[in-house]
Protein backbone atom coordinates (compact mmCIF):
# COMPACT_ATOMS: atom_id res chain seq x y z
CA MET A 1 0.05 -0.04 -0.09
CA THR A 2 1.47 3.35 -0.96
CA THR A 3 1.60 6.51 1.26
CA ALA A 4 -1.25 8.17 -0.81
CA GLN A 5 -3.48 5.07 -0.29
CA LYS A 6 -2.76 4.98 3.52
CA ALA A 7 -3.67 8.70 3.74
CA VAL A 8 -7.02 7.97 2.19
CA SER A 9 -7.79 5.02 4.48
CA GLY A 10 -9.02 4.76 7.99
CA PRO A 11 -7.68 7.70 10.05
CA GLY A 12 -7.23 9.82 7.07
CA LEU A 13 -10.86 9.55 6.08
CA LEU A 14 -11.92 10.11 9.70
CA SER A 15 -9.78 13.26 10.05
CA LEU A 16 -11.41 14.51 6.90
CA GLY A 17 -14.86 13.69 8.19
CA GLY A 18 -14.02 15.47 11.45
CA ILE A 19 -12.90 18.67 9.63
CA VAL A 20 -15.99 18.58 7.40
CA ALA A 21 -18.33 18.17 10.47
CA ALA A 22 -16.38 20.82 12.39
CA LEU A 23 -17.03 23.23 9.58
CA GLY A 24 -20.71 22.40 9.84
CA ALA A 25 -20.54 23.18 13.51
CA ALA A 26 -18.84 26.39 12.66
CA SER A 27 -21.26 27.40 9.98
CA CYS A 28 -23.93 28.99 12.30
CA CYS A 29 -21.69 31.34 14.00
CA VAL A 30 -17.94 31.56 13.12
CA ILE A 31 -18.09 31.51 9.42
CA PRO A 32 -20.75 34.27 9.12
CA PHE A 33 -18.56 36.34 11.51
CA LEU A 34 -15.47 35.69 9.53
CA LEU A 35 -17.09 36.54 6.36
CA PHE A 36 -18.55 39.85 7.78
CA THR A 37 -15.11 40.70 9.17
CA ALA A 38 -13.40 39.94 5.75
CA GLY A 39 -15.91 42.56 4.17
CA VAL A 40 -18.12 39.90 2.44
CA SER A 41 -21.70 40.84 2.84
CA GLY A 42 -25.08 39.62 1.50
CA ALA A 43 -28.38 38.47 2.55
CA TRP A 44 -27.42 34.86 2.13
CA ILE A 45 -25.00 35.00 5.10
CA GLY A 46 -28.06 35.31 7.37
CA ASN A 47 -29.21 32.07 6.05
CA LEU A 48 -26.25 30.25 7.59
CA THR A 49 -27.62 31.08 11.12
CA ALA A 50 -30.46 28.55 10.33
CA LEU A 51 -27.97 25.83 11.04
CA GLY A 52 -27.62 26.94 14.53
CA PRO A 53 -29.89 24.45 16.13
CA TYR A 54 -27.77 21.65 14.42
CA GLN A 55 -24.46 22.91 15.96
CA PRO A 56 -24.49 20.28 18.79
CA ILE A 57 -25.19 17.57 16.19
CA PHE A 58 -22.30 18.62 14.00
CA ALA A 59 -20.02 19.08 17.05
CA ALA A 60 -20.88 15.46 18.39
CA VAL A 61 -20.34 13.93 14.96
CA SER A 62 -17.11 15.66 14.48
CA LEU A 63 -15.82 14.63 17.93
CA GLY A 64 -16.94 11.05 17.11
CA PHE A 65 -14.91 11.06 13.81
CA ILE A 66 -11.84 12.64 15.64
CA GLY A 67 -11.94 10.21 18.42
CA LEU A 68 -12.34 7.16 16.28
CA GLY A 69 -9.54 8.52 14.15
CA ALA A 70 -7.23 8.98 17.03
CA TRP A 71 -8.07 5.59 18.47
CA GLN A 72 -7.23 3.96 15.08
CA LEU A 73 -3.95 5.93 14.82
CA ARG A 74 -2.99 4.81 18.38
CA ARG A 75 -3.94 1.05 17.61
CA ARG A 76 -1.97 1.32 14.39
CA ALA A 77 1.09 2.65 16.21
CA LYS A 78 1.01 0.01 18.86
CA ALA A 79 0.64 -2.88 16.19
CA ALA A 80 3.54 -1.38 14.32
CA CYS A 81 5.64 -1.24 17.44
CA ALA A 82 4.70 -4.81 18.22
CA GLU A 83 6.21 -5.77 14.83
CA GLY A 84 9.48 -3.99 15.57
CA TYR A 85 8.80 -0.80 13.61
CA CYS A 86 7.98 2.28 15.80
CA GLY A 87 8.43 5.07 13.24
CA THR A 88 5.52 7.18 12.21
CA PRO A 89 4.79 7.08 8.44
CA ARG A 90 4.00 10.35 6.63
CA ALA A 91 0.44 9.18 6.10
CA ASP A 92 -0.04 9.03 9.94
CA ARG A 93 1.35 12.36 10.41
CA ILE A 94 -1.04 13.89 7.83
CA ALA A 95 -3.87 12.18 9.57
CA ARG A 96 -2.76 13.34 13.08
CA ILE A 97 -2.54 17.03 11.69
CA GLY A 98 -6.01 16.64 10.34
CA LEU A 99 -7.41 15.31 13.52
CA TRP A 100 -5.74 18.21 15.34
CA ILE A 101 -7.20 20.84 12.96
CA GLY A 102 -10.64 19.32 13.25
CA GLY A 103 -10.47 19.23 17.04
CA ILE A 104 -9.34 22.95 17.15
CA LEU A 105 -12.11 23.87 14.79
CA VAL A 106 -14.79 22.13 16.97
CA VAL A 107 -13.52 23.90 20.14
CA VAL A 108 -13.64 27.18 18.26
CA ALA A 109 -17.13 26.43 17.00
CA VAL A 110 -18.48 25.47 20.38
CA VAL A 111 -16.70 28.19 22.42
CA PHE A 112 -17.08 31.15 19.96
CA PRO A 113 -20.77 32.03 20.70
CA TYR A 114 -20.02 32.43 24.43
CA VAL A 115 -16.83 34.25 23.84
CA ILE A 116 -18.38 36.75 21.53
CA ARG A 117 -21.25 37.45 23.70
CA TYR A 118 -18.76 38.31 26.55
CA LEU A 119 -16.71 40.56 24.27
CA MET A 120 -19.73 42.29 22.90
CA ARG A 121 -20.95 43.21 26.35
CA SER A 122 -17.68 45.10 27.04
């Protein structure tokens, strides 16, 4: 199996799923704010707030993907060490970076509404 095939299997797909679900969780609050800050405007941005009630579902799905991907990476690393090879291949590193990015996006998406309310009061 080549490095490209390993990146698309297991943890790589789960990290991609985690990032996509994290973007879904951020679509109600963070993305419209960033677009507005960047100067992008339009009535369609208000439609993104319709996804607000689904934010916990997107966050839970994202955390599920991220957790399962991290578990698979850990299990693969233990199996590789049992066979005498403990190095981290490039595909695992890419998947690990994707999992971290997805995790950070989920934290930002969940914490952002509370932080912005606090900052707007000041």
